């Protein structure tokens, strides 16, 4: 597979978040913390998709976002680490990358659609 650009990966991951949102809504416990974390992650993904950092600069781009978050630095850092780990996985796993390219098909997304 061709090298994966962070912006394209983040656009694909945004589609995958829809399925996780369906799972979150079905949980019986209070999922407010999950919703807050997913909102932070969604903001990061959308910013990456818009700004299109180079693959070699992606980690630095995420770090700068964390530093700019001020008091919210901890939660933003947690989500930035998650995004970066998933991007690295997509780079290393053709199967994961193919799943994302297919629109991240999921039984959860189909059930909620």
PDB file of N, CA and C in Angstrom:
ATOM      1  N   UNK A   1       0.842  -1.181   0.000  1.00  0.00           N
ATOM      2  CA  UNK A   1       0.000   0.000   0.000  1.00  0.00           C
ATOM      3  C   UNK A   1       0.890   1.249   0.000  1.00  0.00           C
ATOM      4  N   UNK A   2       0.417   2.325  -0.610  1.00  0.00           N
ATOM      5  CA  UNK A   2       1.215   3.555  -0.631  1.00  0.00           C
ATOM      6  C   UNK A   2       1.326   4.145   0.777  1.00  0.00           C
ATOM      7  N   UNK A   3       2.347   4.979   1.003  1.00  0.00           N
ATOM      8  CA  UNK A   3       2.492   5.622   2.314  1.00  0.00           C
ATOM      9  C   UNK A   3       1.202   6.353   2.707  1.00  0.00           C
ATOM     10  N   UNK A   4       0.873   6.260   3.955  1.00  0.00           N
ATOM     11  CA  UNK A   4      -0.367   6.832   4.472  1.00  0.00           C
ATOM     12  C   UNK A   4      -0.142   8.248   4.984  1.00  0.00           C
ATOM     13  N   UNK A   5      -0.867   9.198   4.435  1.00  0.00           N
ATOM     14  CA  UNK A   5      -0.790  10.584   4.918  1.00  0.00           C
ATOM     15  C   UNK A   5      -1.674  10.700   6.160  1.00  0.00           C
ATOM     16  N   UNK A   6      -1.213  11.435   7.177  1.00  0.00           N
ATOM     17  CA  UNK A   6      -2.032  11.613   8.371  1.00  0.00           C
ATOM     18  C   UNK A   6      -3.417  12.186   8.072  1.00  0.00           C
ATOM     19  N   UNK A   7      -3.529  13.116   7.136  1.00  0.00           N
ATOM     20  CA  UNK A   7      -4.828  13.734   6.849  1.00  0.00           C
ATOM     21  C   UNK A   7      -5.809  12.703   6.309  1.00  0.00           C
ATOM     22  N   UNK A   8      -5.361  11.869   5.398  1.00  0.00           N
ATOM     23  CA  UNK A   8      -6.249  10.842   4.837  1.00  0.00           C
ATOM     24  C   UNK A   8      -6.635   9.833   5.908  1.00  0.00           C
ATOM     25  N   UNK A   9      -5.660   9.414   6.710  1.00  0.00           N
ATOM     26  CA  UNK A   9      -5.934   8.499   7.803  1.00  0.00           C
ATOM     27  C   UNK A   9      -6.978   9.086   8.754  1.00  0.00           C
ATOM     28  N   UNK A  10      -6.840  10.355   9.103  1.00  0.00           N
ATOM     29  CA  UNK A  10      -7.776  10.979  10.039  1.00  0.00           C
ATOM     30  C   UNK A  10      -9.178  11.098   9.454  1.00  0.00           C
ATOM     31  N   UNK A  11      -9.280  11.355   8.161  1.00  0.00           N
ATOM     32  CA  UNK A  11     -10.605  11.362   7.517  1.00  0.00           C
ATOM     33  C   UNK A  11     -11.243   9.974   7.614  1.00  0.00           C
ATOM     34  N   UNK A  12     -10.443   8.943   7.405  1.00  0.00           N
ATOM     35  CA  UNK A  12     -10.954   7.580   7.499  1.00  0.00           C
ATOM     36  C   UNK A  12     -11.327   7.231   8.935  1.00  0.00           C
ATOM     37  N   UNK A  13     -10.516   7.670   9.885  1.00  0.00           N
ATOM     38  CA  UNK A  13     -10.790   7.374  11.284  1.00  0.00           C
ATOM     39  C   UNK A  13     -12.043   8.096  11.777  1.00  0.00           C
ATOM     40  N   UNK A  14     -12.317   9.259  11.234  1.00  0.00           N
ATOM     41  CA  UNK A  14     -13.557   9.963  11.588  1.00  0.00           C
ATOM     42  C   UNK A  14     -14.774   9.101  11.256  1.00  0.00           C
ATOM     43  N   UNK A  15     -14.722   8.397  10.136  1.00  0.00           N
ATOM     44  CA  UNK A  15     -15.830   7.504   9.774  1.00  0.00           C
ATOM     45  C   UNK A  15     -15.948   6.357  10.767  1.00  0.00           C
ATOM     46  N   UNK A  16     -14.818   5.859  11.248  1.00  0.00           N
ATOM     47  CA  UNK A  16     -14.836   4.763  12.214  1.00  0.00           C
ATOM     48  C   UNK A  16     -15.399   5.201  13.565  1.00  0.00           C
ATOM     49  N   UNK A  17     -15.275   6.475  13.903  1.00  0.00           N
ATOM     50  CA  UNK A  17     -15.808   6.961  15.181  1.00  0.00           C
ATOM     51  C   UNK A  17     -17.327   6.840  15.253  1.00  0.00           C
ATOM     52  N   UNK A  18     -17.987   6.871  14.116  1.00  0.00           N
ATOM     53  CA  UNK A  18     -19.446   6.767  14.118  1.00  0.00           C
ATOM     54  C   UNK A  18     -19.909   5.463  14.754  1.00  0.00           C
ATOM     55  N   UNK A  19     -19.219   4.362  14.475  1.00  0.00           N
ATOM     56  CA  UNK A  19     -19.584   3.077  15.067  1.00  0.00           C
ATOM     57  C   UNK A  19     -19.353   3.091  16.570  1.00  0.00           C
ATOM     58  N   UNK A  20     -18.246   3.677  17.012  1.00  0.00           N
ATOM     59  CA  UNK A  20     -17.983   3.712  18.450  1.00  0.00           C
ATOM     60  C   UNK A  20     -19.002   4.580  19.170  1.00  0.00           C
ATOM     61  N   UNK A  21     -19.512   5.589  18.493  1.00  0.00           N
ATOM     62  CA  UNK A  21     -20.550   6.434  19.097  1.00  0.00           C
ATOM     63  C   UNK A  21     -21.823   5.623  19.318  1.00  0.00           C
ATOM     64  N   UNK A  22     -22.144   4.737  18.394  1.00  0.00           N
ATOM     65  CA  UNK A  22     -23.308   3.877  18.556  1.00  0.00           C
ATOM     66  C   UNK A  22     -23.164   2.961  19.758  1.00  0.00           C
ATOM     67  N   UNK A  23     -21.973   2.395  19.941  1.00  0.00           N
ATOM     68  CA  UNK A  23     -21.734   1.539  21.110  1.00  0.00           C
ATOM     69  C   UNK A  23     -21.852   2.345  22.385  1.00  0.00           C
ATOM     70  N   UNK A  24     -21.306   3.547  22.386  1.00  0.00           N
ATOM     71  CA  UNK A  24     -21.346   4.377  23.596  1.00  0.00           C
ATOM     72  C   UNK A  24     -22.775   4.682  23.998  1.00  0.00           C
ATOM     73  N   UNK A  25     -23.617   4.992  23.035  1.00  0.00           N
ATOM     74  CA  UNK A  25     -25.005   5.344  23.348  1.00  0.00           C
ATOM     75  C   UNK A  25     -25.791   4.170  23.925  1.00  0.00           C
ATOM     76  N   UNK A  26     -25.392   2.937  23.600  1.00  0.00           N
ATOM     77  CA  UNK A  26     -26.119   1.763  24.097  1.00  0.00           C
ATOM     78  C   UNK A  26     -25.682   1.346  25.490  1.00  0.00           C
ATOM     79  N   UNK A  27     -24.614   1.902  26.002  1.00  0.00           N
ATOM     80  CA  UNK A  27     -24.143   1.510  27.334  1.00  0.00           C
ATOM     81  C   UNK A  27     -25.107   1.998  28.406  1.00  0.00           C
ATOM     82  N   UNK A  28     -25.209   1.215  29.460  1.00  0.00           N
ATOM     83  CA  UNK A  28     -26.126   1.551  30.542  1.00  0.00           C
ATOM     84  C   UNK A  28     -25.514   2.508  31.559  1.00  0.00           C
ATOM     85  N   UNK A  29     -24.215   2.656  31.554  1.00  0.00           N
ATOM     86  CA  UNK A  29     -23.559   3.552  32.505  1.00  0.00           C
ATOM     87  C   UNK A  29     -23.497   4.974  31.945  1.00  0.00           C
ATOM     88  N   UNK A  30     -23.104   5.907  32.805  1.00  0.00           N
ATOM     89  CA  UNK A  30     -22.926   7.298  32.378  1.00  0.00           C
ATOM     90  C   UNK A  30     -21.721   7.357  31.443  1.00  0.00           C
ATOM     91  N   UNK A  31     -21.952   7.773  30.221  1.00  0.00           N
ATOM     92  CA  UNK A  31     -20.869   7.795  29.221  1.00  0.00           C
ATOM     93  C   UNK A  31     -20.386   9.216  28.925  1.00  0.00           C
ATOM     94  N   UNK A  32     -20.681  10.153  29.809  1.00  0.00           N
ATOM     95  CA  UNK A  32     -20.248  11.533  29.596  1.00  0.00           C
ATOM     96  C   UNK A  32     -18.735  11.642  29.408  1.00  0.00           C
ATOM     97  N   UNK A  33     -17.916  10.963  30.255  1.00  0.00           N
ATOM     98  CA  UNK A  33     -16.466  11.053  30.021  1.00  0.00           C
ATOM     99  C   UNK A  33     -16.066  10.520  28.641  1.00  0.00           C
ATOM    100  N   UNK A  34     -16.730   9.454  28.185  1.00  0.00           N
ATOM    101  CA  UNK A  34     -16.435   8.917  26.848  1.00  0.00           C
ATOM    102  C   UNK A  34     -16.745   9.967  25.782  1.00  0.00           C
ATOM    103  N   UNK A  35     -17.865  10.632  25.925  1.00  0.00           N
ATOM    104  CA  UNK A  35     -18.277  11.635  24.943  1.00  0.00           C
ATOM    105  C   UNK A  35     -17.285  12.802  24.908  1.00  0.00           C
ATOM    106  N   UNK A  36     -16.800  13.201  26.059  1.00  0.00           N
ATOM    107  CA  UNK A  36     -15.819  14.296  26.121  1.00  0.00           C
ATOM    108  C   UNK A  36     -14.530  13.883  25.415  1.00  0.00           C
ATOM    109  N   UNK A  37     -14.039  12.683  25.709  1.00  0.00           N
ATOM    110  CA  UNK A  37     -12.821  12.194  25.062  1.00  0.00           C
ATOM    111  C   UNK A  37     -12.985  12.073  23.560  1.00  0.00           C
ATOM    112  N   UNK A  38     -14.127  11.560  23.125  1.00  0.00           N
ATOM    113  CA  UNK A  38     -14.365  11.414  21.687  1.00  0.00           C
ATOM    114  C   UNK A  38     -14.491  12.775  20.996  1.00  0.00           C
ATOM    115  N   UNK A  39     -15.028  13.758  21.695  1.00  0.00           N
ATOM    116  CA  UNK A  39     -15.119  15.107  21.126  1.00  0.00           C
ATOM    117  C   UNK A  39     -13.717  15.694  20.940  1.00  0.00           C
ATOM    118  N   UNK A  40     -12.844  15.478  21.912  1.00  0.00           N
ATOM    119  CA  UNK A  40     -11.459  15.947  21.796  1.00  0.00           C
ATOM    120  C   UNK A  40     -10.771  15.234  20.638  1.00  0.00           C
ATOM    121  N   UNK A  41     -10.960  13.928  20.564  1.00  0.00           N
ATOM    122  CA  UNK A  41     -10.347  13.156  19.479  1.00  0.00           C
ATOM    123  C   UNK A  41     -10.879  13.606  18.123  1.00  0.00           C
ATOM    124  N   UNK A  42     -12.183  13.804  18.041  1.00  0.00           N
ATOM    125  CA  UNK A  42     -12.792  14.256  16.778  1.00  0.00           C
ATOM    126  C   UNK A  42     -12.205  15.613  16.364  1.00  0.00           C
ATOM    127  N   UNK A  43     -12.045  16.525  17.331  1.00  0.00           N
ATOM    128  CA  UNK A  43     -11.448  17.839  17.025  1.00  0.00           C
ATOM    129  C   UNK A  43     -10.034  17.689  16.468  1.00  0.00           C
ATOM    130  N   UNK A  44      -9.243  16.808  17.082  1.00  0.00           N
ATOM    131  CA  UNK A  44      -7.886  16.569  16.591  1.00  0.00           C
ATOM    132  C   UNK A  44      -7.915  15.998  15.175  1.00  0.00           C
ATOM    133  N   UNK A  45      -8.761  14.992  14.960  1.00  0.00           N
ATOM    134  CA  UNK A  45      -8.839  14.364  13.636  1.00  0.00           C
ATOM    135  C   UNK A  45      -9.252  15.360  12.571  1.00  0.00           C
ATOM    136  N   UNK A  46     -10.235  16.192  12.892  1.00  0.00           N
ATOM    137  CA  UNK A  46     -10.687  17.197  11.924  1.00  0.00           C
ATOM    138  C   UNK A  46      -9.590  18.209  11.628  1.00  0.00           C
ATOM    139  N   UNK A  47      -8.828  18.601  12.653  1.00  0.00           N
ATOM    140  CA  UNK A  47      -7.737  19.559  12.452  1.00  0.00           C
ATOM    141  C   UNK A  47      -6.635  18.951  11.581  1.00  0.00           C
ATOM    142  N   UNK A  48      -6.307  17.686  11.814  1.00  0.00           N
ATOM    143  CA  UNK A  48      -5.303  17.019  10.988  1.00  0.00           C
ATOM    144  C   UNK A  48      -5.786  16.950   9.543  1.00  0.00           C
ATOM    145  N   UNK A  49      -7.046  16.563   9.362  1.00  0.00           N
ATOM    146  CA  UNK A  49      -7.601  16.453   8.011  1.00  0.00           C
ATOM    147  C   UNK A  49      -7.548  17.792   7.282  1.00  0.00           C
ATOM    148  N   UNK A  50      -7.771  18.867   8.019  1.00  0.00           N
ATOM    149  CA  UNK A  50      -7.770  20.193   7.404  1.00  0.00           C
ATOM    150  C   UNK A  50      -6.349  20.706   7.150  1.00  0.00           C
ATOM    151  N   UNK A  51      -5.471  20.547   8.132  1.00  0.00           N
ATOM    152  CA  UNK A  51      -4.127  21.126   8.027  1.00  0.00           C
ATOM    153  C   UNK A  51      -3.133  20.251   7.266  1.00  0.00           C
ATOM    154  N   UNK A  52      -3.413  18.958   7.161  1.00  0.00           N
ATOM    155  CA  UNK A  52      -2.618  18.030   6.354  1.00  0.00           C
ATOM    156  C   UNK A  52      -1.121  18.060   6.659  1.00  0.00           C
ATOM    157  N   UNK A  53      -0.718  17.773   7.921  1.00  0.00           N
ATOM    158  CA  UNK A  53       0.718  17.760   8.219  1.00  0.00           C
ATOM    159  C   UNK A  53       1.411  16.611   7.476  1.00  0.00           C
ATOM    160  N   UNK A  54       2.676  16.807   7.170  1.00  0.00           N
ATOM    161  CA  UNK A  54       3.473  15.768   6.513  1.00  0.00           C
ATOM    162  C   UNK A  54       3.652  14.596   7.468  1.00  0.00           C
ATOM    163  N   UNK A  55       3.758  13.387   6.937  1.00  0.00           N
ATOM    164  CA  UNK A  55       3.953  12.225   7.810  1.00  0.00           C
ATOM    165  C   UNK A  55       5.148  12.377   8.759  1.00  0.00           C
ATOM    166  N   UNK A  56       6.255  12.899   8.262  1.00  0.00           N
ATOM    167  CA  UNK A  56       7.448  13.064   9.098  1.00  0.00           C
ATOM    168  C   UNK A  56       7.247  14.102  10.203  1.00  0.00           C
ATOM    169  N   UNK A  57       6.285  14.994  10.038  1.00  0.00           N
ATOM    170  CA  UNK A  57       6.039  16.061  11.017  1.00  0.00           C
ATOM    171  C   UNK A  57       4.802  15.796  11.870  1.00  0.00           C
ATOM    172  N   UNK A  58       4.154  14.652  11.678  1.00  0.00           N
ATOM    173  CA  UNK A  58       2.880  14.403  12.350  1.00  0.00           C
ATOM    174  C   UNK A  58       3.012  14.371  13.875  1.00  0.00           C
ATOM    175  N   UNK A  59       4.013  13.679  14.378  1.00  0.00           N
ATOM    176  CA  UNK A  59       4.193  13.599  15.831  1.00  0.00           C
ATOM    177  C   UNK A  59       4.435  14.991  16.419  1.00  0.00           C
ATOM    178  N   UNK A  60       5.270  15.778  15.781  1.00  0.00           N
ATOM    179  CA  UNK A  60       5.528  17.144  16.238  1.00  0.00           C
ATOM    180  C   UNK A  60       4.259  17.988  16.172  1.00  0.00           C
ATOM    181  N   UNK A  61       3.485  17.840  15.096  1.00  0.00           N
ATOM    182  CA  UNK A  61       2.223  18.572  14.946  1.00  0.00           C
ATOM    183  C   UNK A  61       1.301  18.261  16.121  1.00  0.00           C
ATOM    184  N   UNK A  62       1.185  16.982  16.472  1.00  0.00           N
ATOM    185  CA  UNK A  62       0.333  16.587  17.603  1.00  0.00           C
ATOM    186  C   UNK A  62       0.866  17.172  18.915  1.00  0.00           C
ATOM    187  N   UNK A  63       2.176  17.131  19.096  1.00  0.00           N
ATOM    188  CA  UNK A  63       2.771  17.670  20.320  1.00  0.00           C
ATOM    189  C   UNK A  63       2.491  19.172  20.450  1.00  0.00           C
ATOM    190  N   UNK A  64       2.585  19.886  19.342  1.00  0.00           N
ATOM    191  CA  UNK A  64       2.295  21.320  19.375  1.00  0.00           C
ATOM    192  C   UNK A  64       0.832  21.578  19.735  1.00  0.00           C
ATOM    193  N   UNK A  65      -0.061  20.737  19.257  1.00  0.00           N
ATOM    194  CA  UNK A  65      -1.478  20.865  19.616  1.00  0.00           C
ATOM    195  C   UNK A  65      -1.668  20.666  21.118  1.00  0.00           C
ATOM    196  N   UNK A  66      -0.963  19.715  21.678  1.00  0.00           N
ATOM    197  CA  UNK A  66      -1.058  19.457  23.121  1.00  0.00           C
ATOM    198  C   UNK A  66      -0.567  20.669  23.908  1.00  0.00           C
ATOM    199  N   UNK A  67       0.567  21.228  23.496  1.00  0.00           N
ATOM    200  CA  UNK A  67       1.111  22.383  24.196  1.00  0.00           C
ATOM    201  C   UNK A  67       0.185  23.582  24.090  1.00  0.00           C
ATOM    202  N   UNK A  68      -0.486  23.723  22.964  1.00  0.00           N
ATOM    203  CA  UNK A  68      -1.393  24.855  22.767  1.00  0.00           C
ATOM    204  C   UNK A  68      -2.698  24.697  23.549  1.00  0.00           C
ATOM    205  N   UNK A  69      -2.970  23.509  24.063  1.00  0.00           N
ATOM    206  CA  UNK A  69      -4.235  23.254  24.756  1.00  0.00           C
ATOM    207  C   UNK A  69      -4.281  23.856  26.160  1.00  0.00           C
ATOM    208  N   UNK A  70      -3.154  24.315  26.670  1.00  0.00           N
ATOM    209  CA  UNK A  70      -3.140  24.953  27.987  1.00  0.00           C
ATOM    210  C   UNK A  70      -3.633  24.022  29.085  1.00  0.00           C
ATOM    211  N   UNK A  71      -4.660  24.438  29.808  1.00  0.00           N
ATOM    212  CA  UNK A  71      -5.172  23.665  30.937  1.00  0.00           C
ATOM    213  C   UNK A  71      -5.738  22.316  30.500  1.00  0.00           C
ATOM    214  N   UNK A  72      -6.161  22.193  29.262  1.00  0.00           N
ATOM    215  CA  UNK A  72      -6.724  20.938  28.748  1.00  0.00           C
ATOM    216  C   UNK A  72      -5.636  20.043  28.160  1.00  0.00           C
ATOM    217  N   UNK A  73      -4.385  20.352  28.456  1.00  0.00           N
ATOM    218  CA  UNK A  73      -3.263  19.628  27.863  1.00  0.00           C
ATOM    219  C   UNK A  73      -3.333  18.123  28.129  1.00  0.00           C
ATOM    220  N   UNK A  74      -3.693  17.711  29.323  1.00  0.00           N
ATOM    221  CA  UNK A  74      -3.733  16.284  29.670  1.00  0.00           C
ATOM    222  C   UNK A  74      -4.711  15.491  28.809  1.00  0.00           C
ATOM    223  N   UNK A  75      -5.982  15.906  28.747  1.00  0.00           N
ATOM    224  CA  UNK A  75      -6.926  15.176  27.906  1.00  0.00           C
ATOM    225  C   UNK A  75      -6.561  15.217  26.421  1.00  0.00           C
ATOM    226  N   UNK A  76      -6.066  16.341  25.953  1.00  0.00           N
ATOM    227  CA  UNK A  76      -5.675  16.443  24.541  1.00  0.00           C
ATOM    228  C   UNK A  76      -4.480  15.523  24.281  1.00  0.00           C
ATOM    229  N   UNK A  77      -3.553  15.473  25.218  1.00  0.00           N
ATOM    230  CA  UNK A  77      -2.395  14.586  25.064  1.00  0.00           C
ATOM    231  C   UNK A  77      -2.831  13.130  25.004  1.00  0.00           C
ATOM    232  N   UNK A  78      -3.769  12.749  25.852  1.00  0.00           N
ATOM    233  CA  UNK A  78      -4.257  11.367  25.838  1.00  0.00           C
ATOM    234  C   UNK A  78      -4.845  11.007  24.481  1.00  0.00           C
ATOM    235  N   UNK A  79      -5.640  11.886  23.929  1.00  0.00           N
ATOM    236  CA  UNK A  79      -6.261  11.607  22.633  1.00  0.00           C
ATOM    237  C   UNK A  79      -5.241  11.694  21.499  1.00  0.00           C
ATOM    238  N   UNK A  80      -4.262  12.599  21.620  1.00  0.00           N
ATOM    239  CA  UNK A  80      -3.213  12.703  20.603  1.00  0.00           C
ATOM    240  C   UNK A  80      -2.373  11.424  20.577  1.00  0.00           C
ATOM    241  N   UNK A  81      -2.069  10.880  21.746  1.00  0.00           N
ATOM    242  CA  UNK A  81      -1.327   9.619  21.805  1.00  0.00           C
ATOM    243  C   UNK A  81      -2.135   8.488  21.161  1.00  0.00           C
ATOM    244  N   UNK A  82      -3.427   8.491  21.383  1.00  0.00           N
ATOM    245  CA  UNK A  82      -4.312   7.487  20.799  1.00  0.00           C
ATOM    246  C   UNK A  82      -4.309   7.598  19.265  1.00  0.00           C
ATOM    247  N   UNK A  83      -4.464   8.810  18.767  1.00  0.00           N
ATOM    248  CA  UNK A  83      -4.469   9.037  17.320  1.00  0.00           C
ATOM    249  C   UNK A  83      -3.134   8.616  16.718  1.00  0.00           C
ATOM    250  N   UNK A  84      -2.032   9.004  17.356  1.00  0.00           N
ATOM    251  CA  UNK A  84      -0.717   8.674  16.826  1.00  0.00           C
ATOM    252  C   UNK A  84      -0.486   7.162  16.813  1.00  0.00           C
ATOM    253  N   UNK A  85      -0.890   6.474  17.878  1.00  0.00           N
ATOM    254  CA  UNK A  85      -0.738   5.017  17.936  1.00  0.00           C
ATOM    255  C   UNK A  85      -1.566   4.343  16.848  1.00  0.00           C
ATOM    256  N   UNK A  86      -2.770   4.823  16.622  1.00  0.00           N
ATOM    257  CA  UNK A  86      -3.613   4.242  15.581  1.00  0.00           C
ATOM    258  C   UNK A  86      -3.027   4.512  14.193  1.00  0.00           C
ATOM    259  N   UNK A  87      -2.460   5.686  13.987  1.00  0.00           N
ATOM    260  CA  UNK A  87      -1.818   5.992  12.710  1.00  0.00           C
ATOM    261  C   UNK A  87      -0.632   5.057  12.471  1.00  0.00           C
ATOM    262  N   UNK A  88       0.186   4.857  13.506  1.00  0.00           N
ATOM    263  CA  UNK A  88       1.341   3.948  13.394  1.00  0.00           C
ATOM    264  C   UNK A  88       0.869   2.521  13.092  1.00  0.00           C
ATOM    265  N   UNK A  89      -0.231   2.104  13.724  1.00  0.00           N
ATOM    266  CA  UNK A  89      -0.792   0.786  13.444  1.00  0.00           C
ATOM    267  C   UNK A  89      -1.234   0.687  11.987  1.00  0.00           C
ATOM    268  N   UNK A  90      -1.899   1.724  11.500  1.00  0.00           N
ATOM    269  CA  UNK A  90      -2.352   1.724  10.103  1.00  0.00           C
ATOM    270  C   UNK A  90      -1.161   1.674   9.150  1.00  0.00           C
ATOM    271  N   UNK A  91      -0.079   2.335   9.499  1.00  0.00           N
ATOM    272  CA  UNK A  91       1.130   2.278   8.662  1.00  0.00           C
ATOM    273  C   UNK A  91       1.701   0.864   8.617  1.00  0.00           C
ATOM    274  N   UNK A  92       1.620   0.163   9.734  1.00  0.00           N
ATOM    275  CA  UNK A  92       2.229  -1.163   9.843  1.00  0.00           C
ATOM    276  C   UNK A  92       1.299  -2.297   9.424  1.00  0.00           C
ATOM    277  N   UNK A  93       0.005  -2.051   9.391  1.00  0.00           N
ATOM    278  CA  UNK A  93      -0.962  -3.113   9.140  1.00  0.00           C
ATOM    279  C   UNK A  93      -1.774  -2.838   7.882  1.00  0.00           C
ATOM    280  N   UNK A  94      -1.496  -3.596   6.850  1.00  0.00           N
ATOM    281  CA  UNK A  94      -2.276  -3.455   5.626  1.00  0.00           C
ATOM    282  C   UNK A  94      -3.742  -3.775   5.867  1.00  0.00           C
ATOM    283  N   UNK A  95      -4.026  -4.728   6.746  1.00  0.00           N
ATOM    284  CA  UNK A  95      -5.412  -5.105   7.030  1.00  0.00           C
ATOM    285  C   UNK A  95      -6.170  -3.954   7.692  1.00  0.00           C
ATOM    286  N   UNK A  96      -5.542  -3.295   8.663  1.00  0.00           N
ATOM    287  CA  UNK A  96      -6.186  -2.165   9.330  1.00  0.00           C
ATOM    288  C   UNK A  96      -6.390  -1.018   8.350  1.00  0.00           C
ATOM    289  N   UNK A  97      -5.379  -0.759   7.536  1.00  0.00           N
ATOM    290  CA  UNK A  97      -5.472   0.313   6.545  1.00  0.00           C
ATOM    291  C   UNK A  97      -6.577   0.003   5.530  1.00  0.00           C
ATOM    292  N   UNK A  98      -6.680  -1.243   5.102  1.00  0.00           N
ATOM    293  CA  UNK A  98      -7.725  -1.634   4.145  1.00  0.00           C
ATOM    294  C   UNK A  98      -9.106  -1.481   4.770  1.00  0.00           C
ATOM    295  N   UNK A  99      -9.247  -1.847   6.048  1.00  0.00           N
ATOM    296  CA  UNK A  99     -10.528  -1.714   6.752  1.00  0.00           C
ATOM    297  C   UNK A  99     -10.953  -0.249   6.799  1.00  0.00           C
ATOM    298  N   UNK A 100     -10.012   0.632   7.087  1.00  0.00           N
ATOM    299  CA  UNK A 100     -10.319   2.060   7.106  1.00  0.00           C
ATOM    300  C   UNK A 100     -10.711   2.557   5.713  1.00  0.00           C
ATOM    301  N   UNK A 101      -9.977   2.109   4.699  1.00  0.00           N
ATOM    302  CA  UNK A 101     -10.267   2.541   3.331  1.00  0.00           C
ATOM    303  C   UNK A 101     -11.640   2.071   2.858  1.00  0.00           C
ATOM    304  N   UNK A 102     -12.129   0.971   3.421  1.00  0.00           N
ATOM    305  CA  UNK A 102     -13.459   0.457   3.079  1.00  0.00           C
ATOM    306  C   UNK A 102     -14.564   1.210   3.820  1.00  0.00           C
ATOM    307  N   UNK A 103     -14.190   2.197   4.594  1.00  0.00           N
ATOM    308  CA  UNK A 103     -15.174   2.958   5.351  1.00  0.00           C
ATOM    309  C   UNK A 103     -15.388   2.429   6.755  1.00  0.00           C
ATOM    310  N   UNK A 104     -14.464   1.628   7.255  1.00  0.00           N
ATOM    311  CA  UNK A 104     -14.519   1.064   8.601  1.00  0.00           C
ATOM    312  C   UNK A 104     -15.841   0.351   8.857  1.00  0.00           C
ATOM    313  N   UNK A 105     -16.175  -0.654   8.020  1.00  0.00           N
ATOM    314  CA  UNK A 105     -17.443  -1.346   8.207  1.00  0.00           C
ATOM    315  C   UNK A 105     -17.528  -1.981   9.591  1.00  0.00           C
ATOM    316  N   UNK A 106     -18.725  -1.889  10.175  1.00  0.00           N
ATOM    317  CA  UNK A 106     -18.916  -2.370  11.541  1.00  0.00           C
ATOM    318  C   UNK A 106     -20.369  -2.785  11.741  1.00  0.00           C
ATOM    319  N   UNK A 107     -20.568  -3.863  12.460  1.00  0.00           N
ATOM    320  CA  UNK A 107     -21.920  -4.259  12.815  1.00  0.00           C
ATOM    321  C   UNK A 107     -22.606  -3.173  13.637  1.00  0.00           C
ATOM    322  N   UNK A 108     -21.842  -2.474  14.480  1.00  0.00           N
ATOM    323  CA  UNK A 108     -22.410  -1.402  15.299  1.00  0.00           C
ATOM    324  C   UNK A 108     -22.936  -0.285  14.426  1.00  0.00           C
ATOM    325  N   UNK A 109     -22.173   0.107  13.421  1.00  0.00           N
ATOM    326  CA  UNK A 109     -22.618   1.186  12.533  1.00  0.00           C
ATOM    327  C   UNK A 109     -23.858   0.766  11.758  1.00  0.00           C
ATOM    328  N   UNK A 110     -23.912  -0.495  11.328  1.00  0.00           N
ATOM    329  CA  UNK A 110     -25.062  -0.980  10.564  1.00  0.00           C
ATOM    330  C   UNK A 110     -26.301  -1.038  11.450  1.00  0.00           C
ATOM    331  N   UNK A 111     -26.133  -1.433  12.693  1.00  0.00           N
ATOM    332  CA  UNK A 111     -27.256  -1.520  13.629  1.00  0.00           C
ATOM    333  C   UNK A 111     -27.834  -0.148  13.946  1.00  0.00           C
ATOM    334  N   UNK A 112     -26.961   0.851  14.017  1.00  0.00           N
ATOM    335  CA  UNK A 112     -27.406   2.195  14.400  1.00  0.00           C
ATOM    336  C   UNK A 112     -27.849   3.032  13.210  1.00  0.00           C
ATOM    337  N   UNK A 113     -27.561   2.590  12.003  1.00  0.00           N
ATOM    338  CA  UNK A 113     -27.822   3.390  10.817  1.00  0.00           C
ATOM    339  C   UNK A 113     -29.237   3.459  10.391  1.00  0.00           C
TER     340      UNK A 113
END
